[in-house]
């Protein structure tokens, strides 16, 4: 006789079409051509936009990039030309 196995429901994170995950290359373009290497350096120094590590891949939520950009704008740092 085997003991009953209890299964815990696993909830997968949902992807919001309004808030897509972006690659470092896409974030570089959004930030006006900031080098991908700068994004990597900022990640190690915890200075740039919040990111997610999915396996070996780094992704950024668009909302996190926009929030970080607004924060920098509030601090008087302009990253992109209007």
PDB file of N, CA and C in Angstrom:
ATOM      1  N   UNK A   1       0.823  -1.174   0.000  1.00  0.00           N
ATOM      2  CA  UNK A   1       0.000   0.000   0.000  1.00  0.00           C
ATOM      3  C   UNK A   1       0.876   1.248   0.000  1.00  0.00           C
ATOM      4  N   UNK A   2       0.553   2.153  -0.824  1.00  0.00           N
ATOM      5  CA  UNK A   2       1.347   3.379  -0.895  1.00  0.00           C
ATOM      6  C   UNK A   2       0.578   4.520  -0.251  1.00  0.00           C
ATOM      7  N   UNK A   3       1.334   5.432   0.319  1.00  0.00           N
ATOM      8  CA  UNK A   3       0.719   6.604   0.949  1.00  0.00           C
ATOM      9  C   UNK A   3       0.192   7.535  -0.131  1.00  0.00           C
ATOM     10  N   UNK A   4      -0.926   8.197   0.144  1.00  0.00           N
ATOM     11  CA  UNK A   4      -1.441   9.137  -0.857  1.00  0.00           C
ATOM     12  C   UNK A   4      -0.463  10.280  -1.075  1.00  0.00           C
ATOM     13  N   UNK A   5      -0.347  10.667  -2.295  1.00  0.00           N
ATOM     14  CA  UNK A   5       0.545  11.777  -2.619  1.00  0.00           C
ATOM     15  C   UNK A   5      -0.256  13.066  -2.631  1.00  0.00           C
ATOM     16  N   UNK A   6       0.244  14.043  -1.928  1.00  0.00           N
ATOM     17  CA  UNK A   6      -0.409  15.344  -1.900  1.00  0.00           C
ATOM     18  C   UNK A   6       0.228  16.224  -2.958  1.00  0.00           C
ATOM     19  N   UNK A   7      -0.596  16.784  -3.772  1.00  0.00           N
ATOM     20  CA  UNK A   7      -0.084  17.667  -4.806  1.00  0.00           C
ATOM     21  C   UNK A   7      -0.411  19.099  -4.442  1.00  0.00           C
ATOM     22  N   UNK A   8       0.592  19.937  -4.523  1.00  0.00           N
ATOM     23  CA  UNK A   8       0.401  21.353  -4.277  1.00  0.00           C
ATOM     24  C   UNK A   8       0.179  22.036  -5.616  1.00  0.00           C
ATOM     25  N   UNK A   9      -0.895  22.796  -5.707  1.00  0.00           N
ATOM     26  CA  UNK A   9      -1.107  23.494  -6.979  1.00  0.00           C
ATOM     27  C   UNK A   9       0.014  24.485  -7.242  1.00  0.00           C
ATOM     28  N   UNK A  10       0.498  24.477  -8.430  1.00  0.00           N
ATOM     29  CA  UNK A  10       1.546  25.418  -8.801  1.00  0.00           C
ATOM     30  C   UNK A  10       0.934  26.513  -9.650  1.00  0.00           C
ATOM     31  N   UNK A  11       1.167  27.713  -9.241  1.00  0.00           N
ATOM     32  CA  UNK A  11       0.640  28.837 -10.002  1.00  0.00           C
ATOM     33  C   UNK A  11       1.764  29.410 -10.835  1.00  0.00           C
ATOM     34  N   UNK A  12       1.570  29.400 -12.105  1.00  0.00           N
ATOM     35  CA  UNK A  12       2.575  29.969 -13.004  1.00  0.00           C
ATOM     36  C   UNK A  12       2.405  31.478 -13.058  1.00  0.00           C
ATOM     37  N   UNK A  13       3.520  32.201 -13.097  1.00  0.00           N
ATOM     38  CA  UNK A  13       3.388  33.645 -13.241  1.00  0.00           C
ATOM     39  C   UNK A  13       2.713  33.970 -14.570  1.00  0.00           C
ATOM     40  N   UNK A  14       1.887  34.970 -14.532  1.00  0.00           N
ATOM     41  CA  UNK A  14       1.189  35.336 -15.758  1.00  0.00           C
ATOM     42  C   UNK A  14       1.925  36.464 -16.458  1.00  0.00           C
ATOM     43  N   UNK A  15       1.836  36.456 -17.749  1.00  0.00           N
ATOM     44  CA  UNK A  15       2.421  37.528 -18.543  1.00  0.00           C
ATOM     45  C   UNK A  15       1.306  38.475 -18.938  1.00  0.00           C
ATOM     46  N   UNK A  16       1.540  39.716 -18.712  1.00  0.00           N
ATOM     47  CA  UNK A  16       0.561  40.739 -19.027  1.00  0.00           C
ATOM     48  C   UNK A  16       0.939  41.362 -20.362  1.00  0.00           C
ATOM     49  N   UNK A  17       0.039  41.301 -21.315  1.00  0.00           N
ATOM     50  CA  UNK A  17       0.322  41.871 -22.636  1.00  0.00           C
ATOM     51  C   UNK A  17       0.577  43.368 -22.543  1.00  0.00           C
ATOM     52  N   UNK A  18       0.015  44.010 -21.529  1.00  0.00           N
ATOM     53  CA  UNK A  18       0.209  45.445 -21.330  1.00  0.00           C
ATOM     54  C   UNK A  18       1.582  45.734 -20.715  1.00  0.00           C
ATOM     55  N   UNK A  19       2.199  44.720 -20.116  1.00  0.00           N
ATOM     56  CA  UNK A  19       3.484  44.893 -19.429  1.00  0.00           C
ATOM     57  C   UNK A  19       4.441  43.780 -19.861  1.00  0.00           C
ATOM     58  N   UNK A  20       4.891  43.816 -21.119  1.00  0.00           N
ATOM     59  CA  UNK A  20       5.707  42.722 -21.647  1.00  0.00           C
ATOM     60  C   UNK A  20       7.101  42.668 -21.023  1.00  0.00           C
ATOM     61  N   UNK A  21       7.702  41.493 -21.136  1.00  0.00           N
ATOM     62  CA  UNK A  21       9.091  41.324 -20.726  1.00  0.00           C
ATOM     63  C   UNK A  21       9.977  41.740 -21.893  1.00  0.00           C
ATOM     64  N   UNK A  22      11.005  42.503 -21.585  1.00  0.00           N
ATOM     65  CA  UNK A  22      11.900  43.039 -22.613  1.00  0.00           C
ATOM     66  C   UNK A  22      13.305  42.484 -22.434  1.00  0.00           C
ATOM     67  N   UNK A  23      13.997  42.298 -23.533  1.00  0.00           N
ATOM     68  CA  UNK A  23      15.398  41.874 -23.504  1.00  0.00           C
ATOM     69  C   UNK A  23      16.276  43.093 -23.216  1.00  0.00           C
ATOM     70  N   UNK A  24      17.520  42.866 -22.798  1.00  0.00           N
ATOM     71  CA  UNK A  24      18.434  43.999 -22.610  1.00  0.00           C
ATOM     72  C   UNK A  24      18.583  44.840 -23.879  1.00  0.00           C
ATOM     73  N   UNK A  25      18.549  44.200 -25.040  1.00  0.00           N
ATOM     74  CA  UNK A  25      18.674  44.945 -26.297  1.00  0.00           C
ATOM     75  C   UNK A  25      17.481  45.878 -26.502  1.00  0.00           C
ATOM     76  N   UNK A  26      16.295  45.402 -26.160  1.00  0.00           N
ATOM     77  CA  UNK A  26      15.102  46.243 -26.289  1.00  0.00           C
ATOM     78  C   UNK A  26      15.143  47.408 -25.304  1.00  0.00           C
ATOM     79  N   UNK A  27      15.607  47.137 -24.086  1.00  0.00           N
ATOM     80  CA  UNK A  27      15.717  48.202 -23.082  1.00  0.00           C
ATOM     81  C   UNK A  27      16.747  49.228 -23.535  1.00  0.00           C
ATOM     82  N   UNK A  28      17.834  48.760 -24.124  1.00  0.00           N
ATOM     83  CA  UNK A  28      18.849  49.666 -24.654  1.00  0.00           C
ATOM     84  C   UNK A  28      18.231  50.638 -25.651  1.00  0.00           C
ATOM     85  N   UNK A  29      17.390  50.120 -26.544  1.00  0.00           N
ATOM     86  CA  UNK A  29      16.728  50.978 -27.534  1.00  0.00           C
ATOM     87  C   UNK A  29      15.784  51.970 -26.865  1.00  0.00           C
ATOM     88  N   UNK A  30      15.011  51.506 -25.894  1.00  0.00           N
ATOM     89  CA  UNK A  30      14.067  52.382 -25.188  1.00  0.00           C
ATOM     90  C   UNK A  30      14.808  53.516 -24.497  1.00  0.00           C
ATOM     91  N   UNK A  31      15.990  53.211 -23.971  1.00  0.00           N
ATOM     92  CA  UNK A  31      16.770  54.215 -23.240  1.00  0.00           C
ATOM     93  C   UNK A  31      17.663  55.029 -24.169  1.00  0.00           C
ATOM     94  N   UNK A  32      17.344  55.032 -25.433  1.00  0.00           N
ATOM     95  CA  UNK A  32      18.056  55.890 -26.372  1.00  0.00           C
ATOM     96  C   UNK A  32      19.432  55.404 -26.761  1.00  0.00           C
ATOM     97  N   UNK A  33      19.642  54.091 -26.740  1.00  0.00           N
ATOM     98  CA  UNK A  33      20.917  53.548 -27.190  1.00  0.00           C
ATOM     99  C   UNK A  33      21.945  53.348 -26.091  1.00  0.00           C
ATOM    100  N   UNK A  34      21.499  53.348 -24.824  1.00  0.00           N
ATOM    101  CA  UNK A  34      22.428  53.032 -23.729  1.00  0.00           C
ATOM    102  C   UNK A  34      23.024  51.655 -24.035  1.00  0.00           C
ATOM    103  N   UNK A  35      24.343  51.492 -23.987  1.00  0.00           N
ATOM    104  CA  UNK A  35      24.943  50.196 -24.317  1.00  0.00           C
ATOM    105  C   UNK A  35      24.442  49.074 -23.407  1.00  0.00           C
ATOM    106  N   UNK A  36      24.267  47.896 -23.991  1.00  0.00           N
ATOM    107  CA  UNK A  36      23.841  46.727 -23.233  1.00  0.00           C
ATOM    108  C   UNK A  36      24.844  46.445 -22.114  1.00  0.00           C
ATOM    109  N   UNK A  37      26.117  46.725 -22.364  1.00  0.00           N
ATOM    110  CA  UNK A  37      27.142  46.546 -21.333  1.00  0.00           C
ATOM    111  C   UNK A  37      26.903  47.432 -20.121  1.00  0.00           C
ATOM    112  N   UNK A  38      26.374  48.625 -20.352  1.00  0.00           N
ATOM    113  CA  UNK A  38      26.042  49.513 -19.230  1.00  0.00           C
ATOM    114  C   UNK A  38      24.896  48.930 -18.418  1.00  0.00           C
ATOM    115  N   UNK A  39      23.912  48.354 -19.102  1.00  0.00           N
ATOM    116  CA  UNK A  39      22.804  47.718 -18.384  1.00  0.00           C
ATOM    117  C   UNK A  39      23.325  46.580 -17.506  1.00  0.00           C
ATOM    118  N   UNK A  40      24.265  45.794 -18.055  1.00  0.00           N
ATOM    119  CA  UNK A  40      24.845  44.688 -17.283  1.00  0.00           C
ATOM    120  C   UNK A  40      25.585  45.216 -16.059  1.00  0.00           C
ATOM    121  N   UNK A  41      26.360  46.274 -16.239  1.00  0.00           N
ATOM    122  CA  UNK A  41      27.093  46.873 -15.119  1.00  0.00           C
ATOM    123  C   UNK A  41      26.115  47.390 -14.069  1.00  0.00           C
ATOM    124  N   UNK A  42      25.063  48.065 -14.518  1.00  0.00           N
ATOM    125  CA  UNK A  42      24.064  48.581 -13.578  1.00  0.00           C
ATOM    126  C   UNK A  42      23.397  47.447 -12.803  1.00  0.00           C
ATOM    127  N   UNK A  43      23.168  46.288 -13.478  1.00  0.00           N
ATOM    128  CA  UNK A  43      22.562  45.142 -12.772  1.00  0.00           C
ATOM    129  C   UNK A  43      23.456  44.691 -11.636  1.00  0.00           C
ATOM    130  N   UNK A  44      24.761  44.595 -11.905  1.00  0.00           N
ATOM    131  CA  UNK A  44      25.675  44.122 -10.862  1.00  0.00           C
ATOM    132  C   UNK A  44      25.787  45.123  -9.720  1.00  0.00           C
ATOM    133  N   UNK A  45      25.580  46.395 -10.029  1.00  0.00           N
ATOM    134  CA  UNK A  45      25.653  47.446  -9.007  1.00  0.00           C
ATOM    135  C   UNK A  45      24.275  47.793  -8.442  1.00  0.00           C
ATOM    136  N   UNK A  46      23.243  47.112  -8.938  1.00  0.00           N
ATOM    137  CA  UNK A  46      21.854  47.355  -8.525  1.00  0.00           C
ATOM    138  C   UNK A  46      21.462  48.812  -8.681  1.00  0.00           C
ATOM    139  N   UNK A  47      21.809  49.385  -9.820  1.00  0.00           N
ATOM    140  CA  UNK A  47      21.528  50.789 -10.078  1.00  0.00           C
ATOM    141  C   UNK A  47      20.503  51.004 -11.177  1.00  0.00           C
ATOM    142  N   UNK A  48      20.351  50.073 -12.067  1.00  0.00           N
ATOM    143  CA  UNK A  48      19.457  50.261 -13.207  1.00  0.00           C
ATOM    144  C   UNK A  48      18.046  49.802 -12.902  1.00  0.00           C
ATOM    145  N   UNK A  49      17.249  49.652 -13.947  1.00  0.00           N
ATOM    146  CA  UNK A  49      15.881  49.170 -13.763  1.00  0.00           C
ATOM    147  C   UNK A  49      15.875  47.756 -13.183  1.00  0.00           C
ATOM    148  N   UNK A  50      14.854  47.448 -12.400  1.00  0.00           N
ATOM    149  CA  UNK A  50      14.717  46.101 -11.834  1.00  0.00           C
ATOM    150  C   UNK A  50      14.590  45.091 -12.969  1.00  0.00           C
ATOM    151  N   UNK A  51      15.212  43.934 -12.777  1.00  0.00           N
ATOM    152  CA  UNK A  51      15.170  42.916 -13.824  1.00  0.00           C
ATOM    153  C   UNK A  51      14.811  41.564 -13.231  1.00  0.00           C
ATOM    154  N   UNK A  52      14.505  40.644 -14.117  1.00  0.00           N
ATOM    155  CA  UNK A  52      14.201  39.264 -13.752  1.00  0.00           C
ATOM    156  C   UNK A  52      15.253  38.362 -14.373  1.00  0.00           C
ATOM    157  N   UNK A  53      15.646  37.335 -13.647  1.00  0.00           N
ATOM    158  CA  UNK A  53      16.545  36.320 -14.196  1.00  0.00           C
ATOM    159  C   UNK A  53      15.705  35.074 -14.439  1.00  0.00           C
ATOM    160  N   UNK A  54      15.581  34.701 -15.692  1.00  0.00           N
ATOM    161  CA  UNK A  54      14.809  33.523 -16.069  1.00  0.00           C
ATOM    162  C   UNK A  54      15.792  32.555 -16.705  1.00  0.00           C
ATOM    163  N   UNK A  55      16.232  31.594 -15.916  1.00  0.00           N
ATOM    164  CA  UNK A  55      17.304  30.717 -16.378  1.00  0.00           C
ATOM    165  C   UNK A  55      18.550  31.556 -16.596  1.00  0.00           C
ATOM    166  N   UNK A  56      19.091  31.490 -17.778  1.00  0.00           N
ATOM    167  CA  UNK A  56      20.278  32.285 -18.108  1.00  0.00           C
ATOM    168  C   UNK A  56      19.924  33.630 -18.731  1.00  0.00           C
ATOM    169  N   UNK A  57      18.651  33.888 -18.858  1.00  0.00           N
ATOM    170  CA  UNK A  57      18.205  35.095 -19.547  1.00  0.00           C
ATOM    171  C   UNK A  57      17.831  36.194 -18.561  1.00  0.00           C
ATOM    172  N   UNK A  58      18.092  37.415 -18.957  1.00  0.00           N
ATOM    173  CA  UNK A  58      17.704  38.592 -18.180  1.00  0.00           C
ATOM    174  C   UNK A  58      16.574  39.270 -18.931  1.00  0.00           C
ATOM    175  N   UNK A  59      15.524  39.592 -18.211  1.00  0.00           N
ATOM    176  CA  UNK A  59      14.396  40.298 -18.809  1.00  0.00           C
ATOM    177  C   UNK A  59      13.973  41.431 -17.882  1.00  0.00           C
ATOM    178  N   UNK A  60      13.401  42.448 -18.490  1.00  0.00           N
ATOM    179  CA  UNK A  60      12.915  43.617 -17.765  1.00  0.00           C
ATOM    180  C   UNK A  60      11.428  43.776 -18.052  1.00  0.00           C
ATOM    181  N   UNK A  61      10.644  44.060 -17.039  1.00  0.00           N
ATOM    182  CA  UNK A  61       9.247  44.420 -17.284  1.00  0.00           C
ATOM    183  C   UNK A  61       9.235  45.853 -17.800  1.00  0.00           C
ATOM    184  N   UNK A  62       8.424  46.099 -18.812  1.00  0.00           N
ATOM    185  CA  UNK A  62       8.334  47.450 -19.371  1.00  0.00           C
ATOM    186  C   UNK A  62       7.980  48.448 -18.267  1.00  0.00           C
ATOM    187  N   UNK A  63       7.078  48.066 -17.366  1.00  0.00           N
ATOM    188  CA  UNK A  63       6.668  48.979 -16.290  1.00  0.00           C
ATOM    189  C   UNK A  63       7.839  49.329 -15.374  1.00  0.00           C
ATOM    190  N   UNK A  64       8.751  48.379 -15.137  1.00  0.00           N
ATOM    191  CA  UNK A  64       9.916  48.647 -14.289  1.00  0.00           C
ATOM    192  C   UNK A  64      10.870  49.616 -14.975  1.00  0.00           C
ATOM    193  N   UNK A  65      11.035  49.462 -16.281  1.00  0.00           N
ATOM    194  CA  UNK A  65      11.907  50.370 -17.039  1.00  0.00           C
ATOM    195  C   UNK A  65      11.314  51.775 -17.025  1.00  0.00           C
ATOM    196  N   UNK A  66      10.003  51.867 -17.263  1.00  0.00           N
ATOM    197  CA  UNK A  66       9.350  53.174 -17.274  1.00  0.00           C
ATOM    198  C   UNK A  66       9.394  53.833 -15.896  1.00  0.00           C
ATOM    199  N   UNK A  67       9.178  53.048 -14.825  1.00  0.00           N
ATOM    200  CA  UNK A  67       9.231  53.596 -13.465  1.00  0.00           C
ATOM    201  C   UNK A  67      10.629  54.110 -13.151  1.00  0.00           C
ATOM    202  N   UNK A  68      11.652  53.349 -13.545  1.00  0.00           N
ATOM    203  CA  UNK A  68      13.033  53.757 -13.300  1.00  0.00           C
ATOM    204  C   UNK A  68      13.350  55.037 -14.066  1.00  0.00           C
ATOM    205  N   UNK A  69      12.865  55.102 -15.296  1.00  0.00           N
ATOM    206  CA  UNK A  69      13.098  56.280 -16.123  1.00  0.00           C
ATOM    207  C   UNK A  69      12.414  57.513 -15.526  1.00  0.00           C
ATOM    208  N   UNK A  70      11.187  57.340 -15.032  1.00  0.00           N
ATOM    209  CA  UNK A  70      10.482  58.453 -14.385  1.00  0.00           C
ATOM    210  C   UNK A  70      11.212  58.900 -13.122  1.00  0.00           C
ATOM    211  N   UNK A  71      11.763  57.939 -12.378  1.00  0.00           N
ATOM    212  CA  UNK A  71      12.531  58.270 -11.170  1.00  0.00           C
ATOM    213  C   UNK A  71      13.747  59.108 -11.544  1.00  0.00           C
ATOM    214  N   UNK A  72      14.441  58.707 -12.591  1.00  0.00           N
ATOM    215  CA  UNK A  72      15.615  59.464 -13.027  1.00  0.00           C
ATOM    216  C   UNK A  72      15.210  60.846 -13.516  1.00  0.00           C
ATOM    217  N   UNK A  73      14.069  60.928 -14.184  1.00  0.00           N
ATOM    218  CA  UNK A  73      13.562  62.214 -14.651  1.00  0.00           C
ATOM    219  C   UNK A  73      13.260  63.121 -13.457  1.00  0.00           C
ATOM    220  N   UNK A  74      12.669  62.540 -12.413  1.00  0.00           N
ATOM    221  CA  UNK A  74      12.372  63.305 -11.202  1.00  0.00           C
ATOM    222  C   UNK A  74      13.645  63.793 -10.522  1.00  0.00           C
ATOM    223  N   UNK A  75      14.730  63.036 -10.683  1.00  0.00           N
ATOM    224  CA  UNK A  75      16.014  63.422 -10.093  1.00  0.00           C
ATOM    225  C   UNK A  75      16.744  64.437 -10.962  1.00  0.00           C
ATOM    226  N   UNK A  76      16.160  64.767 -12.104  1.00  0.00           N
ATOM    227  CA  UNK A  76      16.778  65.760 -12.980  1.00  0.00           C
ATOM    228  C   UNK A  76      17.775  65.187 -13.956  1.00  0.00           C
ATOM    229  N   UNK A  77      17.775  63.882 -14.119  1.00  0.00           N
ATOM    230  CA  UNK A  77      18.689  63.242 -15.058  1.00  0.00           C
ATOM    231  C   UNK A  77      17.906  62.921 -16.319  1.00  0.00           C
ATOM    232  N   UNK A  78      18.331  63.455 -17.437  1.00  0.00           N
ATOM    233  CA  UNK A  78      17.639  63.230 -18.699  1.00  0.00           C
ATOM    234  C   UNK A  78      18.383  62.151 -19.476  1.00  0.00           C
ATOM    235  N   UNK A  79      17.673  61.068 -19.833  1.00  0.00           N
ATOM    236  CA  UNK A  79      18.306  59.959 -20.541  1.00  0.00           C
ATOM    237  C   UNK A  79      18.026  59.992 -22.029  1.00  0.00           C
ATOM    238  N   UNK A  80      16.913  60.612 -22.396  1.00  0.00           N
ATOM    239  CA  UNK A  80      16.568  60.616 -23.812  1.00  0.00           C
ATOM    240  C   UNK A  80      16.199  62.031 -24.221  1.00  0.00           C
ATOM    241  N   UNK A  81      16.453  62.347 -25.470  1.00  0.00           N
ATOM    242  CA  UNK A  81      16.051  63.649 -25.982  1.00  0.00           C
ATOM    243  C   UNK A  81      14.589  63.585 -26.384  1.00  0.00           C
ATOM    244  N   UNK A  82      13.873  64.669 -26.157  1.00  0.00           N
ATOM    245  CA  UNK A  82      12.452  64.710 -26.526  1.00  0.00           C
ATOM    246  C   UNK A  82      12.304  64.974 -28.002  1.00  0.00           C
TER     247      UNK A  82
END
